[in-house]
Amino acid sequence: MLPAQTRWRKSSYSNGGGNCVEVAAGGECTGVRDTKDRAGGVLIVPARQWGIFIAAAKSGRYHR
């Protein structure tokens, strides 16, 4: 669970159109939510797995 005072952030690459997600670090977990529906729920991912996903994305592993 994320603390109530969690600080959410979105990518600096976002163009302000609202078509993005926000991410929040919460110790042992990371939260991900839709900026268009912030009250719609949060995907909670173990922080270690989130780090692995981000590293793979940065390396181009998911590019087609």
PDB file of N, CA and C in Angstrom:
ATOM      1  N   MET A   1       0.843  -1.183   0.000  1.00  0.00           N
ATOM      2  CA  MET A   1       0.000   0.000   0.000  1.00  0.00           C
ATOM      3  C   MET A   1       0.886   1.244   0.000  1.00  0.00           C
ATOM      4  N   LEU A   2       0.452   2.252  -0.704  1.00  0.00           N
ATOM      5  CA  LEU A   2       1.197   3.510  -0.750  1.00  0.00           C
ATOM      6  C   LEU A   2       0.729   4.433   0.368  1.00  0.00           C
ATOM      7  N   PRO A   3       1.640   5.199   0.958  1.00  0.00           N
ATOM      8  CA  PRO A   3       1.249   6.152   2.000  1.00  0.00           C
ATOM      9  C   PRO A   3       0.278   7.200   1.455  1.00  0.00           C
ATOM     10  N   ALA A   4      -0.564   7.736   2.324  1.00  0.00           N
ATOM     11  CA  ALA A   4      -1.557   8.742   1.916  1.00  0.00           C
ATOM     12  C   ALA A   4      -0.905   9.976   1.308  1.00  0.00           C
ATOM     13  N   GLN A   5       0.266  10.347   1.766  1.00  0.00           N
ATOM     14  CA  GLN A   5       0.957  11.548   1.285  1.00  0.00           C
ATOM     15  C   GLN A   5       1.921  11.249   0.141  1.00  0.00           C
ATOM     16  N   THR A   6       1.611  10.241  -0.636  1.00  0.00           N
ATOM     17  CA  THR A   6       2.469   9.838  -1.748  1.00  0.00           C
ATOM     18  C   THR A   6       2.589  10.952  -2.778  1.00  0.00           C
ATOM     19  N   ARG A   7       3.794  11.160  -3.268  1.00  0.00           N
ATOM     20  CA  ARG A   7       4.035  12.175  -4.302  1.00  0.00           C
ATOM     21  C   ARG A   7       4.036  11.500  -5.671  1.00  0.00           C
ATOM     22  N   TRP A   8       3.068  11.858  -6.492  1.00  0.00           N
ATOM     23  CA  TRP A   8       2.930  11.303  -7.832  1.00  0.00           C
ATOM     24  C   TRP A   8       3.678  12.169  -8.824  1.00  0.00           C
ATOM     25  N   ARG A   9       4.229  11.543  -9.864  1.00  0.00           N
ATOM     26  CA  ARG A   9       4.928  12.305 -10.910  1.00  0.00           C
ATOM     27  C   ARG A   9       4.643  11.667 -12.259  1.00  0.00           C
ATOM     28  N   LYS A  10       4.746  12.483 -13.299  1.00  0.00           N
ATOM     29  CA  LYS A  10       4.594  11.952 -14.650  1.00  0.00           C
ATOM     30  C   LYS A  10       5.804  12.355 -15.465  1.00  0.00           C
ATOM     31  N   SER A  11       5.974  11.726 -16.570  1.00  0.00           N
ATOM     32  CA  SER A  11       7.145  11.932 -17.410  1.00  0.00           C
ATOM     33  C   SER A  11       7.265  13.376 -17.881  1.00  0.00           C
ATOM     34  N   SER A  12       8.492  13.837 -17.958  1.00  0.00           N
ATOM     35  CA  SER A  12       8.743  15.174 -18.512  1.00  0.00           C
ATOM     36  C   SER A  12       8.482  15.186 -20.016  1.00  0.00           C
ATOM     37  N   TYR A  13       8.320  14.015 -20.616  1.00  0.00           N
ATOM     38  CA  TYR A  13       8.002  13.918 -22.043  1.00  0.00           C
ATOM     39  C   TYR A  13       6.510  14.090 -22.315  1.00  0.00           C
ATOM     40  N   SER A  14       5.701  14.146 -21.251  1.00  0.00           N
ATOM     41  CA  SER A  14       4.259  14.332 -21.430  1.00  0.00           C
ATOM     42  C   SER A  14       3.999  15.688 -22.055  1.00  0.00           C
ATOM     43  N   ASN A  15       3.055  15.730 -22.977  1.00  0.00           N
ATOM     44  CA  ASN A  15       2.783  16.983 -23.673  1.00  0.00           C
ATOM     45  C   ASN A  15       1.608  17.754 -23.091  1.00  0.00           C
ATOM     46  N   GLY A  16       1.097  17.348 -21.954  1.00  0.00           N
ATOM     47  CA  GLY A  16      -0.011  18.046 -21.335  1.00  0.00           C
ATOM     48  C   GLY A  16      -1.366  17.618 -21.853  1.00  0.00           C
ATOM     49  N   GLY A  17      -1.410  16.646 -22.748  1.00  0.00           N
ATOM     50  CA  GLY A  17      -2.664  16.171 -23.303  1.00  0.00           C
ATOM     51  C   GLY A  17      -3.451  15.254 -22.386  1.00  0.00           C
ATOM     52  N   GLY A  18      -2.842  14.834 -21.290  1.00  0.00           N
ATOM     53  CA  GLY A  18      -3.532  13.972 -20.348  1.00  0.00           C
ATOM     54  C   GLY A  18      -3.524  12.500 -20.708  1.00  0.00           C
ATOM     55  N   ASN A  19      -2.805  12.123 -21.740  1.00  0.00           N
ATOM     56  CA  ASN A  19      -2.744  10.723 -22.150  1.00  0.00           C
ATOM     57  C   ASN A  19      -1.490  10.061 -21.600  1.00  0.00           C
ATOM     58  N   CYS A  20      -1.398   9.994 -20.293  1.00  0.00           N
ATOM     59  CA  CYS A  20      -0.200   9.409 -19.699  1.00  0.00           C
ATOM     60  C   CYS A  20      -0.544   8.793 -18.352  1.00  0.00           C
ATOM     61  N   VAL A  21       0.449   8.223 -17.742  1.00  0.00           N
ATOM     62  CA  VAL A  21       0.295   7.657 -16.411  1.00  0.00           C
ATOM     63  C   VAL A  21       1.196   8.413 -15.448  1.00  0.00           C
ATOM     64  N   GLU A  22       0.860   8.295 -14.171  1.00  0.00           N
ATOM     65  CA  GLU A  22       1.694   8.855 -13.111  1.00  0.00           C
ATOM     66  C   GLU A  22       2.271   7.693 -12.318  1.00  0.00           C
ATOM     67  N   VAL A  23       3.430   7.920 -11.746  1.00  0.00           N
ATOM     68  CA  VAL A  23       4.125   6.899 -10.977  1.00  0.00           C
ATOM     69  C   VAL A  23       4.476   7.473  -9.615  1.00  0.00           C
ATOM     70  N   ALA A  24       4.398   6.623  -8.591  1.00  0.00           N
ATOM     71  CA  ALA A  24       4.771   7.035  -7.244  1.00  0.00           C
ATOM     72  C   ALA A  24       5.568   5.925  -6.579  1.00  0.00           C
ATOM     73  N   ALA A  25       6.690   6.296  -5.996  1.00  0.00           N
ATOM     74  CA  ALA A  25       7.505   5.334  -5.252  1.00  0.00           C
ATOM     75  C   ALA A  25       7.004   5.291  -3.819  1.00  0.00           C
ATOM     76  N   GLY A  26       6.878   4.095  -3.292  1.00  0.00           N
ATOM     77  CA  GLY A  26       6.386   3.944  -1.928  1.00  0.00           C
ATOM     78  C   GLY A  26       7.179   2.929  -1.140  1.00  0.00           C
ATOM     79  N   GLY A  27       8.493   3.049  -1.140  1.00  0.00           N
ATOM     80  CA  GLY A  27       9.321   2.108  -0.398  1.00  0.00           C
ATOM     81  C   GLY A  27       9.494   0.805  -1.157  1.00  0.00           C
ATOM     82  N   GLU A  28       8.803  -0.239  -0.719  1.00  0.00           N
ATOM     83  CA  GLU A  28       8.938  -1.545  -1.353  1.00  0.00           C
ATOM     84  C   GLU A  28       8.015  -1.732  -2.551  1.00  0.00           C
ATOM     85  N   CYS A  29       7.199  -0.725  -2.847  1.00  0.00           N
ATOM     86  CA  CYS A  29       6.295  -0.854  -3.986  1.00  0.00           C
ATOM     87  C   CYS A  29       6.250   0.442  -4.791  1.00  0.00           C
ATOM     88  N   THR A  30       5.761   0.321  -6.012  1.00  0.00           N
ATOM     89  CA  THR A  30       5.590   1.461  -6.906  1.00  0.00           C
ATOM     90  C   THR A  30       4.142   1.463  -7.366  1.00  0.00           C
ATOM     91  N   GLY A  31       3.527   2.640  -7.366  1.00  0.00           N
ATOM     92  CA  GLY A  31       2.151   2.767  -7.827  1.00  0.00           C
ATOM     93  C   GLY A  31       2.113   3.394  -9.208  1.00  0.00           C
ATOM     94  N   VAL A  32       1.167   2.940 -10.020  1.00  0.00           N
ATOM     95  CA  VAL A  32       0.974   3.480 -11.365  1.00  0.00           C
ATOM     96  C   VAL A  32      -0.517   3.769 -11.515  1.00  0.00           C
ATOM     97  N   ARG A  33      -0.857   4.976 -12.002  1.00  0.00           N
ATOM     98  CA  ARG A  33      -2.268   5.313 -12.208  1.00  0.00           C
ATOM     99  C   ARG A  33      -2.438   6.153 -13.463  1.00  0.00           C
ATOM    100  N   ASP A  34      -3.651   6.186 -13.971  1.00  0.00           N
ATOM    101  CA  ASP A  34      -4.013   6.926 -15.176  1.00  0.00           C
ATOM    102  C   ASP A  34      -4.282   8.381 -14.803  1.00  0.00           C
ATOM    103  N   THR A  35      -3.680   9.320 -15.515  1.00  0.00           N
ATOM    104  CA  THR A  35      -3.892  10.738 -15.205  1.00  0.00           C
ATOM    105  C   THR A  35      -5.313  11.190 -15.523  1.00  0.00           C
ATOM    106  N   LYS A  36      -6.003  10.494 -16.408  1.00  0.00           N
ATOM    107  CA  LYS A  36      -7.375  10.869 -16.746  1.00  0.00           C
ATOM    108  C   LYS A  36      -8.379  10.362 -15.722  1.00  0.00           C
ATOM    109  N   ASP A  37      -7.975   9.407 -14.874  1.00  0.00           N
ATOM    110  CA  ASP A  37      -8.888   8.820 -13.896  1.00  0.00           C
ATOM    111  C   ASP A  37      -8.122   8.489 -12.622  1.00  0.00           C
ATOM    112  N   ARG A  38      -7.664   9.505 -11.946  1.00  0.00           N
ATOM    113  CA  ARG A  38      -6.816   9.309 -10.763  1.00  0.00           C
ATOM    114  C   ARG A  38      -7.520   8.550  -9.643  1.00  0.00           C
ATOM    115  N   ALA A  39      -8.834   8.654  -9.578  1.00  0.00           N
ATOM    116  CA  ALA A  39      -9.586   7.944  -8.543  1.00  0.00           C
ATOM    117  C   ALA A  39      -9.975   6.536  -8.990  1.00  0.00           C
ATOM    118  N   GLY A  40      -9.624   6.171 -10.205  1.00  0.00           N
ATOM    119  CA  GLY A  40     -10.044   4.899 -10.774  1.00  0.00           C
ATOM    120  C   GLY A  40      -9.283   3.684 -10.302  1.00  0.00           C
ATOM    121  N   GLY A  41      -8.261   3.863  -9.527  1.00  0.00           N
ATOM    122  CA  GLY A  41      -7.492   2.734  -9.034  1.00  0.00           C
ATOM    123  C   GLY A  41      -6.011   2.890  -9.316  1.00  0.00           C
ATOM    124  N   VAL A  42      -5.236   2.114  -8.604  1.00  0.00           N
ATOM    125  CA  VAL A  42      -3.778   2.174  -8.706  1.00  0.00           C
ATOM    126  C   VAL A  42      -3.246   0.765  -8.897  1.00  0.00           C
ATOM    127  N   LEU A  43      -2.369   0.610  -9.850  1.00  0.00           N
ATOM    128  CA  LEU A  43      -1.663  -0.647 -10.044  1.00  0.00           C
ATOM    129  C   LEU A  43      -0.446  -0.614  -9.128  1.00  0.00           C
ATOM    130  N   ILE A  44      -0.338  -1.584  -8.238  1.00  0.00           N
ATOM    131  CA  ILE A  44       0.790  -1.659  -7.305  1.00  0.00           C
ATOM    132  C   ILE A  44       1.744  -2.748  -7.791  1.00  0.00           C
ATOM    133  N   VAL A  45       3.008  -2.382  -7.947  1.00  0.00           N
ATOM    134  CA  VAL A  45       4.035  -3.290  -8.452  1.00  0.00           C
ATOM    135  C   VAL A  45       5.191  -3.304  -7.451  1.00  0.00           C
ATOM    136  N   PRO A  46       5.764  -4.468  -7.154  1.00  0.00           N
ATOM    137  CA  PRO A  46       6.951  -4.482  -6.304  1.00  0.00           C
ATOM    138  C   PRO A  46       8.046  -3.588  -6.908  1.00  0.00           C
ATOM    139  N   ALA A  47       8.698  -2.800  -6.082  1.00  0.00           N
ATOM    140  CA  ALA A  47       9.693  -1.831  -6.560  1.00  0.00           C
ATOM    141  C   ALA A  47      10.797  -2.497  -7.381  1.00  0.00           C
ATOM    142  N   ARG A  48      11.227  -3.662  -6.984  1.00  0.00           N
ATOM    143  CA  ARG A  48      12.289  -4.355  -7.725  1.00  0.00           C
ATOM    144  C   ARG A  48      11.839  -4.682  -9.149  1.00  0.00           C
ATOM    145  N   GLN A  49      10.614  -5.194  -9.294  1.00  0.00           N
ATOM    146  CA  GLN A  49      10.104  -5.533 -10.623  1.00  0.00           C
ATOM    147  C   GLN A  49       9.889  -4.281 -11.466  1.00  0.00           C
ATOM    148  N   TRP A  50       9.469  -3.193 -10.843  1.00  0.00           N
ATOM    149  CA  TRP A  50       9.307  -1.931 -11.576  1.00  0.00           C
ATOM    150  C   TRP A  50      10.658  -1.473 -12.123  1.00  0.00           C
ATOM    151  N   GLY A  51      11.693  -1.582 -11.316  1.00  0.00           N
ATOM    152  CA  GLY A  51      13.034  -1.207 -11.764  1.00  0.00           C
ATOM    153  C   GLY A  51      13.504  -2.042 -12.945  1.00  0.00           C
ATOM    154  N   ILE A  52      13.205  -3.339 -12.913  1.00  0.00           N
ATOM    155  CA  ILE A  52      13.564  -4.223 -14.023  1.00  0.00           C
ATOM    156  C   ILE A  52      12.811  -3.811 -15.284  1.00  0.00           C
ATOM    157  N   PHE A  53      11.523  -3.510 -15.150  1.00  0.00           N
ATOM    158  CA  PHE A  53      10.721  -3.074 -16.294  1.00  0.00           C
ATOM    159  C   PHE A  53      11.263  -1.780 -16.892  1.00  0.00           C
ATOM    160  N   ILE A  54      11.572  -0.800 -16.055  1.00  0.00           N
ATOM    161  CA  ILE A  54      12.081   0.490 -16.532  1.00  0.00           C
ATOM    162  C   ILE A  54      13.425   0.306 -17.241  1.00  0.00           C
ATOM    163  N   ALA A  55      14.311  -0.506 -16.667  1.00  0.00           N
ATOM    164  CA  ALA A  55      15.609  -0.752 -17.306  1.00  0.00           C
ATOM    165  C   ALA A  55      15.423  -1.390 -18.682  1.00  0.00           C
ATOM    166  N   ALA A  56      14.499  -2.336 -18.790  1.00  0.00           N
ATOM    167  CA  ALA A  56      14.245  -2.985 -20.079  1.00  0.00           C
ATOM    168  C   ALA A  56      13.659  -1.996 -21.083  1.00  0.00           C
ATOM    169  N   ALA A  57      12.750  -1.146 -20.622  1.00  0.00           N
ATOM    170  CA  ALA A  57      12.155  -0.141 -21.518  1.00  0.00           C
ATOM    171  C   ALA A  57      13.213   0.837 -22.020  1.00  0.00           C
ATOM    172  N   LYS A  58      14.083   1.280 -21.134  1.00  0.00           N
ATOM    173  CA  LYS A  58      15.146   2.214 -21.528  1.00  0.00           C
ATOM    174  C   LYS A  58      16.133   1.579 -22.506  1.00  0.00           C
ATOM    175  N   SER A  59      16.327   0.279 -22.389  1.00  0.00           N
ATOM    176  CA  SER A  59      17.284  -0.411 -23.266  1.00  0.00           C
ATOM    177  C   SER A  59      16.718  -0.658 -24.666  1.00  0.00           C
ATOM    178  N   GLY A  60      15.422  -0.418 -24.845  1.00  0.00           N
ATOM    179  CA  GLY A  60      14.795  -0.653 -26.136  1.00  0.00           C
ATOM    180  C   GLY A  60      14.225  -2.047 -26.301  1.00  0.00           C
ATOM    181  N   ARG A  61      14.232  -2.812 -25.243  1.00  0.00           N
ATOM    182  CA  ARG A  61      13.770  -4.197 -25.312  1.00  0.00           C
ATOM    183  C   ARG A  61      12.337  -4.332 -25.836  1.00  0.00           C
ATOM    184  N   TYR A  62      11.488  -3.359 -25.568  1.00  0.00           N
ATOM    185  CA  TYR A  62      10.085  -3.456 -25.963  1.00  0.00           C
ATOM    186  C   TYR A  62       9.769  -2.749 -27.274  1.00  0.00           C
ATOM    187  N   HIS A  63      10.767  -2.175 -27.925  1.00  0.00           N
ATOM    188  CA  HIS A  63      10.525  -1.526 -29.216  1.00  0.00           C
ATOM    189  C   HIS A  63      10.297  -2.575 -30.295  1.00  0.00           C
ATOM    190  N   ARG A  64       9.410  -2.275 -31.196  1.00  0.00           N
ATOM    191  CA  ARG A  64       9.134  -3.213 -32.298  1.00  0.00           C
ATOM    192  C   ARG A  64       9.777  -2.736 -33.552  1.00  0.00           C
TER     193      ARG A  64
END
